[in-house]
C-alpha cells in the first residue's frame, strides 16, 4: 500500500525473516514507488522493502533530483535531495523498526541518488546495488566508506552512461574505502537477465558475509 508520511510518497513491504536487512528501492526517471518491488523481492525474498517516489518532476516524470541536461546534474538540488532522502531513511528505520541502515537498489536516476547519499551521508546506507549509475558529484573531502559493499552493474552498449563514467564511480567509491564489485554486460541502459543474476549473486554473498 502506498504511504504518504515521512516526507516521501512511498511503499513499505514487511519482511518475512526477523533481522533481515531492508532494501531501499530507488526507481529511474519516470518511475514510481511500485517499479522495483518485484526486483527487490527477487533479489532478497525475505527482506523488508522500502520504496520512495522521487519528489522532482521533469515533464511530468518523477525523478530524485533535477538535471540541467542529459548527464548534467543540478549540484545544489542534488545535495538538497540527497539530504532529504537520508532523513527519510533515518525516519523509516525508526518507524518500521528496521534492523539498521538499508541496502540501496537503484536504477539510473535512482542509482545516482543512492551514490550521492553514500558520498554525502555516510552511515545512511549499509551498501548499494547500483544499476547503470554515473558519478553524481565528487565531495571534498571524501567520506569514509570502509565496510560498505557496492555492486555497480554497467552496460557496455549503454547510450546514456559511458563505460568510463561507470568506472569513474567505481574508482571514486574505492578511494573512499568502499568494497566495490563491477559487473559488465553487453547490454544497453535497460536491465537484462544477466544484471538480475549478478545482483542475486551479490546479495547472496553479502548475506554470507554478514552471517
N, C-alpha and C. Protein backbone atom coordinates (compact mmCIF):
# COMPACT_ATOMS: atom_id res chain seq x y z
N UNK A 1 0.84 -1.19 0.00
CA UNK A 1 0.00 0.00 0.00
C UNK A 1 0.88 1.24 0.00
N UNK A 2 0.50 2.24 -0.78
CA UNK A 2 1.26 3.48 -0.85
C UNK A 2 1.01 4.33 0.39
N UNK A 3 2.10 4.81 1.00
CA UNK A 3 2.04 5.68 2.18
C UNK A 3 2.45 7.10 1.76
N UNK A 4 2.07 8.09 2.58
CA UNK A 4 2.41 9.47 2.26
C UNK A 4 3.14 10.16 3.41
N UNK A 5 3.57 9.42 4.41
CA UNK A 5 4.28 10.01 5.53
C UNK A 5 5.78 10.00 5.33
N UNK A 6 6.50 10.50 6.33
CA UNK A 6 7.97 10.51 6.40
C UNK A 6 8.61 11.40 5.34
N UNK A 7 7.83 12.24 4.67
CA UNK A 7 8.39 13.18 3.71
C UNK A 7 8.39 12.72 2.27
N UNK A 8 8.14 11.45 2.02
CA UNK A 8 8.10 10.90 0.66
C UNK A 8 6.86 10.03 0.50
N UNK A 9 6.21 10.13 -0.65
CA UNK A 9 5.26 9.08 -1.02
C UNK A 9 6.08 7.80 -1.18
N UNK A 10 5.63 6.71 -0.55
CA UNK A 10 6.45 5.50 -0.58
C UNK A 10 5.61 4.27 -0.33
N UNK A 11 6.21 3.13 -0.61
CA UNK A 11 5.63 1.85 -0.24
C UNK A 11 6.57 1.15 0.72
N UNK A 12 5.98 0.45 1.69
CA UNK A 12 6.76 -0.40 2.58
C UNK A 12 6.15 -1.79 2.58
N UNK A 13 6.99 -2.79 2.31
CA UNK A 13 6.56 -4.18 2.32
C UNK A 13 7.34 -4.88 3.42
N UNK A 14 6.67 -5.37 4.46
CA UNK A 14 7.40 -6.01 5.56
C UNK A 14 8.16 -7.25 5.09
N UNK A 15 9.23 -7.55 5.79
CA UNK A 15 9.98 -8.77 5.51
C UNK A 15 9.35 -9.97 6.19
N UNK A 16 9.86 -11.11 5.86
CA UNK A 16 9.34 -12.36 6.45
C UNK A 16 10.35 -13.05 7.34
N UNK A 17 11.54 -12.45 7.48
CA UNK A 17 12.58 -13.03 8.35
C UNK A 17 13.09 -11.95 9.28
N UNK A 18 12.86 -12.08 10.58
CA UNK A 18 13.31 -11.04 11.51
C UNK A 18 14.81 -10.79 11.39
N UNK A 19 15.16 -9.52 11.36
CA UNK A 19 16.57 -9.15 11.30
C UNK A 19 17.14 -9.05 9.90
N UNK A 20 16.36 -9.43 8.87
CA UNK A 20 16.88 -9.34 7.50
C UNK A 20 17.06 -7.88 7.12
N UNK A 21 18.22 -7.50 6.56
CA UNK A 21 18.43 -6.11 6.16
C UNK A 21 17.41 -5.66 5.11
N UNK A 22 16.94 -4.44 5.24
CA UNK A 22 15.95 -3.91 4.30
C UNK A 22 16.62 -3.45 3.02
N UNK A 23 15.84 -3.43 1.95
CA UNK A 23 16.27 -2.87 0.68
C UNK A 23 15.55 -1.54 0.48
N UNK A 24 16.32 -0.52 0.09
CA UNK A 24 15.76 0.77 -0.30
C UNK A 24 15.73 0.80 -1.82
N UNK A 25 14.54 0.81 -2.41
CA UNK A 25 14.37 0.69 -3.86
C UNK A 25 14.17 2.07 -4.47
N UNK A 26 15.05 2.42 -5.42
CA UNK A 26 15.07 3.77 -5.99
C UNK A 26 14.92 3.69 -7.51
N UNK A 27 13.78 4.13 -7.99
CA UNK A 27 13.41 3.97 -9.40
C UNK A 27 14.18 4.92 -10.31
N UNK A 28 14.10 4.69 -11.60
CA UNK A 28 14.68 5.58 -12.60
C UNK A 28 13.70 6.67 -13.00
N UNK A 29 14.12 7.55 -13.89
CA UNK A 29 13.29 8.66 -14.35
C UNK A 29 11.97 8.16 -14.91
N UNK A 30 10.87 8.75 -14.44
CA UNK A 30 9.55 8.35 -14.91
C UNK A 30 8.96 7.16 -14.18
N UNK A 31 9.68 6.66 -13.18
CA UNK A 31 9.19 5.51 -12.43
C UNK A 31 8.32 5.92 -11.25
N UNK A 32 8.05 4.96 -10.40
CA UNK A 32 7.22 5.21 -9.22
C UNK A 32 7.66 4.27 -8.11
N UNK A 33 6.99 4.41 -6.99
CA UNK A 33 7.29 3.56 -5.84
C UNK A 33 6.96 2.09 -6.08
N UNK A 34 6.24 1.80 -7.16
CA UNK A 34 5.88 0.41 -7.47
C UNK A 34 6.89 -0.29 -8.38
N UNK A 35 7.74 0.49 -9.05
CA UNK A 35 8.53 -0.06 -10.15
C UNK A 35 9.46 -1.20 -9.77
N UNK A 36 10.14 -1.09 -8.65
CA UNK A 36 11.21 -2.04 -8.32
C UNK A 36 10.83 -3.05 -7.25
N UNK A 37 9.55 -3.10 -6.89
CA UNK A 37 9.12 -4.04 -5.85
C UNK A 37 9.43 -5.49 -6.27
N UNK A 38 9.10 -5.85 -7.49
CA UNK A 38 9.35 -7.23 -7.93
C UNK A 38 10.84 -7.51 -8.01
N UNK A 39 11.64 -6.52 -8.43
CA UNK A 39 13.09 -6.69 -8.46
C UNK A 39 13.63 -6.89 -7.05
N UNK A 40 13.17 -6.07 -6.12
CA UNK A 40 13.61 -6.21 -4.74
C UNK A 40 13.27 -7.56 -4.16
N UNK A 41 12.07 -8.05 -4.46
CA UNK A 41 11.68 -9.35 -3.93
C UNK A 41 12.51 -10.47 -4.54
N UNK A 42 12.87 -10.32 -5.83
CA UNK A 42 13.72 -11.34 -6.47
C UNK A 42 15.12 -11.32 -5.86
N UNK A 43 15.63 -10.13 -5.55
CA UNK A 43 16.98 -10.02 -5.01
C UNK A 43 17.07 -10.51 -3.57
N UNK A 44 16.04 -10.25 -2.80
CA UNK A 44 16.06 -10.59 -1.37
C UNK A 44 14.67 -11.02 -0.94
N UNK A 45 14.33 -12.29 -1.13
CA UNK A 45 12.94 -12.76 -0.92
C UNK A 45 12.38 -12.52 0.48
N UNK A 46 13.24 -12.43 1.51
CA UNK A 46 12.72 -12.31 2.88
C UNK A 46 12.87 -10.90 3.45
N UNK A 47 13.44 -9.98 2.67
CA UNK A 47 13.79 -8.66 3.20
C UNK A 47 12.62 -7.69 3.22
N UNK A 48 12.60 -6.76 4.18
CA UNK A 48 11.67 -5.64 4.09
C UNK A 48 12.04 -4.76 2.89
N UNK A 49 11.05 -4.20 2.24
CA UNK A 49 11.27 -3.37 1.07
C UNK A 49 10.72 -1.97 1.33
N UNK A 50 11.55 -0.97 1.09
CA UNK A 50 11.17 0.43 1.28
C UNK A 50 11.39 1.14 -0.04
N UNK A 51 10.31 1.68 -0.63
CA UNK A 51 10.40 2.20 -1.98
C UNK A 51 9.77 3.59 -2.07
N UNK A 52 10.58 4.67 -2.04
CA UNK A 52 10.03 6.02 -2.16
C UNK A 52 9.88 6.47 -3.62
N UNK A 53 9.03 7.44 -3.82
CA UNK A 53 8.87 8.06 -5.13
C UNK A 53 9.68 9.37 -5.18
N UNK A 54 10.38 9.58 -6.27
CA UNK A 54 11.14 10.82 -6.43
C UNK A 54 10.24 12.04 -6.34
N UNK A 55 10.74 13.12 -5.74
CA UNK A 55 9.93 14.32 -5.48
C UNK A 55 10.01 15.36 -6.59
N UNK A 56 10.91 15.18 -7.53
CA UNK A 56 11.10 16.15 -8.61
C UNK A 56 10.37 15.66 -9.85
N UNK A 57 9.70 16.58 -10.56
CA UNK A 57 9.04 16.23 -11.81
C UNK A 57 9.79 16.86 -12.98
N UNK A 58 10.08 16.05 -13.99
CA UNK A 58 10.68 16.52 -15.24
C UNK A 58 9.72 16.15 -16.37
N UNK A 59 9.03 17.15 -16.89
CA UNK A 59 8.00 16.90 -17.90
C UNK A 59 6.99 15.87 -17.41
N UNK A 60 6.63 16.01 -16.13
CA UNK A 60 5.65 15.13 -15.52
C UNK A 60 6.19 13.80 -15.04
N UNK A 61 7.49 13.55 -15.21
CA UNK A 61 8.09 12.27 -14.84
C UNK A 61 8.85 12.41 -13.52
N UNK A 62 8.53 11.58 -12.52
CA UNK A 62 9.23 11.67 -11.24
C UNK A 62 10.72 11.33 -11.37
N UNK A 63 11.53 12.13 -10.67
CA UNK A 63 12.96 11.91 -10.52
C UNK A 63 13.34 12.22 -9.08
N UNK A 64 14.56 11.84 -8.71
CA UNK A 64 15.03 12.10 -7.36
C UNK A 64 15.78 13.42 -7.23
N UNK A 65 16.22 14.02 -8.34
CA UNK A 65 16.84 15.34 -8.31
C UNK A 65 16.79 15.93 -9.71
N UNK A 66 17.02 17.24 -9.79
CA UNK A 66 16.93 17.95 -11.06
C UNK A 66 18.21 17.78 -11.87
N UNK A 67 18.06 17.87 -13.17
CA UNK A 67 19.23 17.92 -14.05
C UNK A 67 19.05 19.09 -15.01
N UNK A 68 20.18 19.60 -15.47
CA UNK A 68 20.18 20.73 -16.39
C UNK A 68 20.14 20.28 -17.84
N UNK A 69 20.66 19.07 -18.09
CA UNK A 69 20.66 18.44 -19.42
C UNK A 69 20.97 16.98 -19.19
N UNK A 70 20.93 16.18 -20.24
CA UNK A 70 21.26 14.76 -20.13
C UNK A 70 22.67 14.62 -19.56
N UNK A 71 22.77 14.00 -18.38
CA UNK A 71 24.06 13.78 -17.76
C UNK A 71 24.66 14.99 -17.06
N UNK A 72 23.93 16.12 -17.01
CA UNK A 72 24.42 17.33 -16.34
C UNK A 72 23.47 17.61 -15.17
N UNK A 73 23.97 17.43 -13.96
CA UNK A 73 23.11 17.48 -12.78
C UNK A 73 23.16 18.85 -12.11
N UNK A 74 22.02 19.25 -11.57
CA UNK A 74 21.92 20.45 -10.75
C UNK A 74 22.53 20.10 -9.39
N UNK A 75 23.77 20.51 -9.16
CA UNK A 75 24.50 20.08 -7.98
C UNK A 75 23.86 20.56 -6.68
N UNK A 76 23.35 21.78 -6.66
CA UNK A 76 22.70 22.27 -5.44
C UNK A 76 21.46 21.45 -5.12
N UNK A 77 20.66 21.16 -6.14
CA UNK A 77 19.45 20.37 -5.91
C UNK A 77 19.82 18.94 -5.54
N UNK A 78 20.85 18.40 -6.16
CA UNK A 78 21.29 17.05 -5.84
C UNK A 78 21.67 16.94 -4.36
N UNK A 79 22.42 17.91 -3.86
CA UNK A 79 22.80 17.88 -2.45
C UNK A 79 21.58 18.01 -1.54
N UNK A 80 20.65 18.89 -1.91
CA UNK A 80 19.42 19.05 -1.13
C UNK A 80 18.63 17.75 -1.09
N UNK A 81 18.43 17.14 -2.26
CA UNK A 81 17.59 15.94 -2.34
C UNK A 81 18.25 14.74 -1.66
N UNK A 82 19.58 14.66 -1.75
CA UNK A 82 20.28 13.58 -1.05
C UNK A 82 20.08 13.71 0.46
N UNK A 83 20.10 14.94 0.96
CA UNK A 83 19.87 15.16 2.38
C UNK A 83 18.45 14.79 2.80
N UNK A 84 17.48 15.15 1.97
CA UNK A 84 16.09 14.79 2.27
C UNK A 84 15.89 13.28 2.26
N UNK A 85 16.53 12.61 1.31
CA UNK A 85 16.40 11.15 1.26
C UNK A 85 17.08 10.51 2.46
N UNK A 86 18.23 11.02 2.87
CA UNK A 86 18.91 10.48 4.06
C UNK A 86 18.02 10.65 5.30
N UNK A 87 17.35 11.79 5.41
CA UNK A 87 16.44 12.00 6.53
C UNK A 87 15.26 11.03 6.48
N UNK A 88 14.73 10.81 5.28
CA UNK A 88 13.65 9.84 5.11
C UNK A 88 14.10 8.45 5.55
N UNK A 89 15.30 8.06 5.17
CA UNK A 89 15.81 6.75 5.54
C UNK A 89 15.88 6.62 7.06
N UNK A 90 16.43 7.64 7.73
CA UNK A 90 16.55 7.59 9.18
C UNK A 90 15.19 7.46 9.85
N UNK A 91 14.20 8.22 9.36
CA UNK A 91 12.86 8.14 9.96
C UNK A 91 12.22 6.78 9.67
N UNK A 92 12.45 6.25 8.48
CA UNK A 92 11.86 4.96 8.13
C UNK A 92 12.45 3.84 8.95
N UNK A 93 13.76 3.88 9.21
CA UNK A 93 14.39 2.86 10.05
C UNK A 93 13.71 2.81 11.41
N UNK A 94 13.41 3.98 11.97
CA UNK A 94 12.75 4.04 13.28
C UNK A 94 11.28 3.64 13.18
N UNK A 95 10.56 4.20 12.20
CA UNK A 95 9.12 3.96 12.09
C UNK A 95 8.80 2.50 11.82
N UNK A 96 9.58 1.87 10.95
CA UNK A 96 9.30 0.49 10.56
C UNK A 96 10.15 -0.52 11.31
N UNK A 97 10.87 -0.04 12.32
CA UNK A 97 11.70 -0.92 13.17
C UNK A 97 12.63 -1.79 12.33
N UNK A 98 13.32 -1.16 11.40
CA UNK A 98 14.26 -1.89 10.56
C UNK A 98 15.52 -2.20 11.38
N UNK A 99 16.23 -3.27 11.04
CA UNK A 99 17.38 -3.67 11.85
C UNK A 99 18.60 -2.77 11.72
N UNK A 100 18.59 -1.86 10.77
CA UNK A 100 19.71 -0.96 10.56
C UNK A 100 19.59 -0.27 9.23
N UNK A 101 20.63 0.44 8.81
CA UNK A 101 20.58 1.13 7.51
C UNK A 101 20.33 0.13 6.39
N UNK A 102 19.49 0.49 5.42
CA UNK A 102 19.17 -0.44 4.34
C UNK A 102 20.27 -0.52 3.29
N UNK A 103 20.13 -1.48 2.43
CA UNK A 103 20.94 -1.60 1.21
C UNK A 103 20.15 -0.95 0.09
N UNK A 104 20.73 0.01 -0.59
CA UNK A 104 20.04 0.67 -1.70
C UNK A 104 20.11 -0.19 -2.95
N UNK A 105 19.01 -0.26 -3.67
CA UNK A 105 18.96 -0.86 -5.00
C UNK A 105 18.40 0.22 -5.92
N UNK A 106 19.27 0.79 -6.76
CA UNK A 106 18.85 1.90 -7.60
C UNK A 106 19.11 1.65 -9.06
N UNK A 107 18.20 2.15 -9.89
CA UNK A 107 18.36 2.08 -11.34
C UNK A 107 18.46 3.48 -11.92
N UNK A 108 19.51 3.76 -12.68
CA UNK A 108 19.67 5.02 -13.41
C UNK A 108 19.60 6.22 -12.47
N UNK A 109 18.59 7.06 -12.56
CA UNK A 109 18.48 8.20 -11.65
C UNK A 109 18.46 7.75 -10.20
N UNK A 110 17.80 6.63 -9.93
CA UNK A 110 17.78 6.10 -8.57
C UNK A 110 19.15 5.63 -8.11
N UNK A 111 19.95 5.06 -9.03
CA UNK A 111 21.31 4.67 -8.69
C UNK A 111 22.17 5.89 -8.41
N UNK A 112 21.93 6.97 -9.14
CA UNK A 112 22.73 8.19 -8.94
C UNK A 112 22.43 8.85 -7.60
N UNK A 113 21.16 8.87 -7.19
CA UNK A 113 20.86 9.46 -5.89
C UNK A 113 21.38 8.56 -4.78
N UNK A 114 21.37 7.26 -4.99
CA UNK A 114 21.95 6.35 -3.99
C UNK A 114 23.44 6.61 -3.83
N UNK A 115 24.14 6.78 -4.95
CA UNK A 115 25.58 7.09 -4.89
C UNK A 115 25.81 8.41 -4.17
N UNK A 116 24.95 9.40 -4.42
CA UNK A 116 25.08 10.70 -3.75
C UNK A 116 24.88 10.57 -2.24
N UNK A 117 23.91 9.75 -1.83
CA UNK A 117 23.70 9.53 -0.39
C UNK A 117 24.91 8.84 0.23
N UNK A 118 25.47 7.85 -0.46
CA UNK A 118 26.69 7.21 0.03
C UNK A 118 27.80 8.22 0.25
N UNK A 119 27.99 9.12 -0.72
CA UNK A 119 29.11 10.05 -0.68
C UNK A 119 28.89 11.23 0.26
N UNK A 120 27.63 11.64 0.44
CA UNK A 120 27.34 12.83 1.25
C UNK A 120 26.86 12.51 2.65
N UNK A 121 26.26 11.34 2.83
CA UNK A 121 25.67 10.98 4.13
C UNK A 121 26.07 9.57 4.52
N UNK A 122 27.38 9.35 4.74
CA UNK A 122 27.84 8.02 5.12
C UNK A 122 27.14 7.55 6.40
N UNK A 123 26.81 6.28 6.42
CA UNK A 123 26.06 5.71 7.53
C UNK A 123 24.59 5.56 7.25
N UNK A 124 24.07 6.27 6.24
CA UNK A 124 22.66 6.16 5.89
C UNK A 124 22.35 4.83 5.21
N UNK A 125 23.33 4.29 4.48
CA UNK A 125 23.15 3.05 3.75
C UNK A 125 24.24 2.07 4.17
N UNK A 126 23.88 0.80 4.25
CA UNK A 126 24.88 -0.22 4.59
C UNK A 126 25.55 -0.78 3.35
N UNK A 127 25.00 -0.51 2.19
CA UNK A 127 25.56 -0.98 0.93
C UNK A 127 24.68 -0.49 -0.21
N UNK A 128 25.07 -0.83 -1.42
CA UNK A 128 24.28 -0.37 -2.57
C UNK A 128 24.52 -1.26 -3.78
N UNK A 129 23.43 -1.54 -4.47
CA UNK A 129 23.46 -2.24 -5.75
C UNK A 129 23.00 -1.22 -6.78
N UNK A 130 23.94 -0.76 -7.60
CA UNK A 130 23.69 0.36 -8.50
C UNK A 130 23.65 -0.11 -9.94
N UNK A 131 22.47 -0.03 -10.55
CA UNK A 131 22.30 -0.39 -11.95
C UNK A 131 22.41 0.87 -12.82
N UNK A 132 23.40 0.90 -13.71
CA UNK A 132 23.58 1.97 -14.70
C UNK A 132 23.81 3.35 -14.05
N UNK A 133 24.72 3.43 -13.08
CA UNK A 133 24.98 4.73 -12.46
C UNK A 133 26.08 5.50 -13.16
N UNK A 134 26.19 6.76 -12.83
CA UNK A 134 27.34 7.58 -13.21
C UNK A 134 27.77 8.37 -11.98
N UNK A 135 28.85 9.13 -12.09
CA UNK A 135 29.34 9.92 -10.96
C UNK A 135 28.36 11.08 -10.73
N UNK A 136 27.70 11.14 -9.56
CA UNK A 136 26.77 12.24 -9.33
C UNK A 136 27.48 13.53 -8.91
N UNK A 137 28.54 13.37 -8.11
CA UNK A 137 29.32 14.50 -7.63
C UNK A 137 30.57 13.96 -6.97
N UNK A 138 31.54 14.83 -6.74
CA UNK A 138 32.78 14.43 -6.07
C UNK A 138 32.94 15.30 -4.84
N UNK A 139 32.60 14.79 -3.67
CA UNK A 139 32.70 15.60 -2.45
C UNK A 139 34.16 15.77 -2.03
N UNK A 140 34.43 16.86 -1.36
CA UNK A 140 35.76 17.13 -0.83
C UNK A 140 35.60 17.62 0.61
N UNK A 141 36.04 16.82 1.59
CA UNK A 141 36.78 15.57 1.46
C UNK A 141 35.86 14.40 1.16
N UNK A 142 36.47 13.28 0.77
CA UNK A 142 35.71 12.06 0.56
C UNK A 142 35.28 11.48 1.91
N UNK A 143 34.13 10.81 1.95
CA UNK A 143 33.70 10.16 3.19
C UNK A 143 34.51 8.89 3.45
N UNK A 144 34.37 8.34 4.64
CA UNK A 144 34.97 7.04 4.96
C UNK A 144 33.90 5.97 4.77
N UNK A 145 34.06 5.16 3.75
CA UNK A 145 33.05 4.14 3.42
C UNK A 145 33.59 2.73 3.64
N UNK A 146 34.48 2.57 4.59
CA UNK A 146 35.01 1.26 4.91
C UNK A 146 33.87 0.35 5.39
N UNK A 147 33.90 -0.90 4.96
CA UNK A 147 32.89 -1.92 5.28
C UNK A 147 31.57 -1.71 4.54
N UNK A 148 31.54 -0.77 3.60
CA UNK A 148 30.37 -0.60 2.74
C UNK A 148 30.62 -1.34 1.43
N UNK A 149 29.71 -2.24 1.08
CA UNK A 149 29.84 -3.04 -0.13
C UNK A 149 28.95 -2.45 -1.22
N UNK A 150 29.49 -2.35 -2.43
CA UNK A 150 28.76 -1.76 -3.56
C UNK A 150 28.94 -2.64 -4.79
N UNK A 151 27.85 -2.90 -5.48
CA UNK A 151 27.89 -3.53 -6.81
C UNK A 151 27.47 -2.50 -7.83
N UNK A 152 28.29 -2.31 -8.85
CA UNK A 152 27.94 -1.44 -9.98
C UNK A 152 27.72 -2.33 -11.19
N UNK A 153 26.50 -2.31 -11.72
CA UNK A 153 26.15 -3.10 -12.91
C UNK A 153 26.05 -2.15 -14.09
N UNK A 154 26.99 -2.27 -15.02
CA UNK A 154 27.09 -1.33 -16.14
C UNK A 154 26.93 -2.05 -17.47
N UNK A 155 26.40 -1.34 -18.46
CA UNK A 155 26.23 -1.90 -19.80
C UNK A 155 27.25 -1.32 -20.77
N UNK A 156 27.97 -2.17 -21.44
CA UNK A 156 28.99 -1.69 -22.38
C UNK A 156 28.38 -0.97 -23.59
N UNK A 157 27.10 -1.26 -23.88
CA UNK A 157 26.43 -0.62 -25.02
C UNK A 157 25.46 0.47 -24.57
N UNK A 158 25.61 0.93 -23.33
CA UNK A 158 24.69 1.91 -22.77
C UNK A 158 24.87 3.26 -23.49
N UNK A 159 23.81 3.78 -24.15
CA UNK A 159 23.95 5.07 -24.85
C UNK A 159 23.87 6.27 -23.92
N UNK A 160 23.50 6.07 -22.67
CA UNK A 160 23.31 7.16 -21.72
C UNK A 160 24.49 7.28 -20.76
N UNK A 161 24.96 6.14 -20.27
CA UNK A 161 26.07 6.12 -19.31
C UNK A 161 27.26 5.42 -19.97
N UNK A 162 28.33 6.14 -20.19
CA UNK A 162 29.50 5.55 -20.83
C UNK A 162 30.23 4.62 -19.86
N UNK A 163 30.94 3.62 -20.38
CA UNK A 163 31.75 2.77 -19.51
C UNK A 163 32.73 3.56 -18.66
N UNK A 164 33.25 4.66 -19.21
CA UNK A 164 34.19 5.48 -18.45
C UNK A 164 33.53 6.10 -17.22
N UNK A 165 32.24 6.49 -17.36
CA UNK A 165 31.52 7.06 -16.22
C UNK A 165 31.31 6.02 -15.13
N UNK A 166 30.94 4.82 -15.53
CA UNK A 166 30.72 3.75 -14.55
C UNK A 166 32.02 3.42 -13.82
N UNK A 167 33.11 3.33 -14.57
CA UNK A 167 34.39 3.01 -13.97
C UNK A 167 34.86 4.15 -13.06
N UNK A 168 34.58 5.39 -13.45
CA UNK A 168 34.97 6.53 -12.63
C UNK A 168 34.26 6.50 -11.28
N UNK A 169 32.98 6.09 -11.26
CA UNK A 169 32.27 5.98 -10.00
C UNK A 169 32.87 4.87 -9.14
N UNK A 170 33.19 3.74 -9.76
CA UNK A 170 33.82 2.65 -9.02
C UNK A 170 35.13 3.12 -8.39
N UNK A 171 35.94 3.83 -9.16
CA UNK A 171 37.23 4.32 -8.65
C UNK A 171 37.01 5.31 -7.50
N UNK A 172 36.00 6.19 -7.63
CA UNK A 172 35.72 7.17 -6.59
C UNK A 172 35.30 6.49 -5.29
N UNK A 173 34.41 5.52 -5.38
CA UNK A 173 33.94 4.82 -4.18
C UNK A 173 35.07 4.01 -3.55
N UNK A 174 35.93 3.42 -4.37
CA UNK A 174 37.06 2.68 -3.82
C UNK A 174 38.03 3.61 -3.09
N UNK A 175 38.24 4.81 -3.64
CA UNK A 175 39.10 5.78 -2.95
C UNK A 175 38.52 6.16 -1.59
N UNK A 176 37.19 6.13 -1.48
CA UNK A 176 36.54 6.42 -0.20
C UNK A 176 36.55 5.22 0.75
N UNK A 177 37.04 4.08 0.27
CA UNK A 177 37.17 2.92 1.13
C UNK A 177 36.15 1.83 0.93
N UNK A 178 35.19 2.02 0.02
CA UNK A 178 34.15 1.02 -0.20
C UNK A 178 34.72 -0.21 -0.90
N UNK A 179 34.09 -1.35 -0.66
CA UNK A 179 34.42 -2.59 -1.37
C UNK A 179 33.52 -2.67 -2.60
N UNK A 180 34.09 -2.42 -3.77
CA UNK A 180 33.30 -2.27 -4.99
C UNK A 180 33.50 -3.48 -5.90
N UNK A 181 32.38 -4.01 -6.38
CA UNK A 181 32.37 -5.07 -7.39
C UNK A 181 31.79 -4.50 -8.67
N UNK A 182 32.48 -4.68 -9.79
CA UNK A 182 31.97 -4.23 -11.09
C UNK A 182 31.41 -5.41 -11.86
N UNK A 183 30.23 -5.23 -12.43
CA UNK A 183 29.65 -6.24 -13.33
C UNK A 183 29.39 -5.57 -14.67
N UNK A 184 30.02 -6.09 -15.71
CA UNK A 184 29.83 -5.56 -17.06
C UNK A 184 28.99 -6.52 -17.88
N UNK A 185 28.01 -5.97 -18.59
CA UNK A 185 27.24 -6.76 -19.54
C UNK A 185 27.30 -6.06 -20.90
N UNK A 186 26.97 -6.79 -21.94
CA UNK A 186 26.99 -6.22 -23.30
C UNK A 186 25.63 -5.64 -23.67
N UNK A 187 24.89 -5.18 -22.69
CA UNK A 187 23.56 -4.63 -22.91
C UNK A 187 23.60 -3.11 -22.90
N UNK A 188 22.43 -2.50 -23.10
CA UNK A 188 22.31 -1.04 -23.12
C UNK A 188 21.92 -0.51 -21.76
N UNK A 189 21.03 0.49 -21.74
CA UNK A 189 20.67 1.13 -20.48
C UNK A 189 19.64 0.31 -19.70
N UNK A 190 18.84 -0.48 -20.39
CA UNK A 190 17.84 -1.29 -19.71
C UNK A 190 18.47 -2.48 -19.01
N UNK A 191 17.75 -3.02 -18.04
CA UNK A 191 18.26 -4.16 -17.29
C UNK A 191 18.03 -5.45 -18.04
N UNK A 192 18.97 -6.36 -17.89
CA UNK A 192 18.90 -7.67 -18.54
C UNK A 192 18.82 -8.76 -17.48
N UNK A 193 18.53 -9.95 -17.92
CA UNK A 193 18.52 -11.11 -17.01
C UNK A 193 19.91 -11.28 -16.38
N UNK A 194 20.94 -11.00 -17.14
CA UNK A 194 22.31 -11.10 -16.63
C UNK A 194 22.54 -10.15 -15.46
N UNK A 195 21.97 -8.94 -15.55
CA UNK A 195 22.08 -7.98 -14.45
C UNK A 195 21.41 -8.52 -13.19
N UNK A 196 20.22 -9.07 -13.37
CA UNK A 196 19.48 -9.61 -12.23
C UNK A 196 20.27 -10.75 -11.58
N UNK A 197 20.82 -11.62 -12.39
CA UNK A 197 21.58 -12.74 -11.85
C UNK A 197 22.81 -12.25 -11.10
N UNK A 198 23.48 -11.23 -11.63
CA UNK A 198 24.64 -10.65 -10.94
C UNK A 198 24.22 -10.06 -9.60
N UNK A 199 23.06 -9.37 -9.59
CA UNK A 199 22.56 -8.82 -8.35
C UNK A 199 22.20 -9.88 -7.33
N UNK A 200 21.60 -10.97 -7.78
CA UNK A 200 21.25 -12.06 -6.88
C UNK A 200 22.50 -12.68 -6.27
N UNK A 201 23.54 -12.88 -7.08
CA UNK A 201 24.80 -13.44 -6.55
C UNK A 201 25.41 -12.50 -5.53
N UNK A 202 25.40 -11.21 -5.84
CA UNK A 202 25.99 -10.24 -4.93
C UNK A 202 25.23 -10.21 -3.61
N UNK A 203 23.90 -10.26 -3.66
CA UNK A 203 23.11 -10.25 -2.43
C UNK A 203 23.38 -11.50 -1.60
N UNK A 204 23.51 -12.66 -2.26
CA UNK A 204 23.80 -13.88 -1.53
C UNK A 204 25.17 -13.82 -0.86
N UNK A 205 26.15 -13.25 -1.56
CA UNK A 205 27.49 -13.10 -0.98
C UNK A 205 27.45 -12.15 0.21
N UNK A 206 26.66 -11.08 0.08
CA UNK A 206 26.53 -10.11 1.18
C UNK A 206 25.91 -10.78 2.41
N UNK A 207 24.90 -11.63 2.19
CA UNK A 207 24.26 -12.33 3.29
C UNK A 207 25.23 -13.28 3.96
N UNK A 208 26.04 -13.96 3.15
CA UNK A 208 27.04 -14.89 3.71
C UNK A 208 28.08 -14.12 4.52
N UNK A 209 28.49 -12.96 4.04
CA UNK A 209 29.49 -12.17 4.76
C UNK A 209 28.97 -11.69 6.11
N UNK A 210 27.65 -11.42 6.19
CA UNK A 210 27.08 -10.92 7.45
C UNK A 210 26.88 -12.03 8.47
N UNK A 211 26.70 -13.27 7.99
CA UNK A 211 26.37 -14.37 8.90
C UNK A 211 27.60 -14.92 9.58
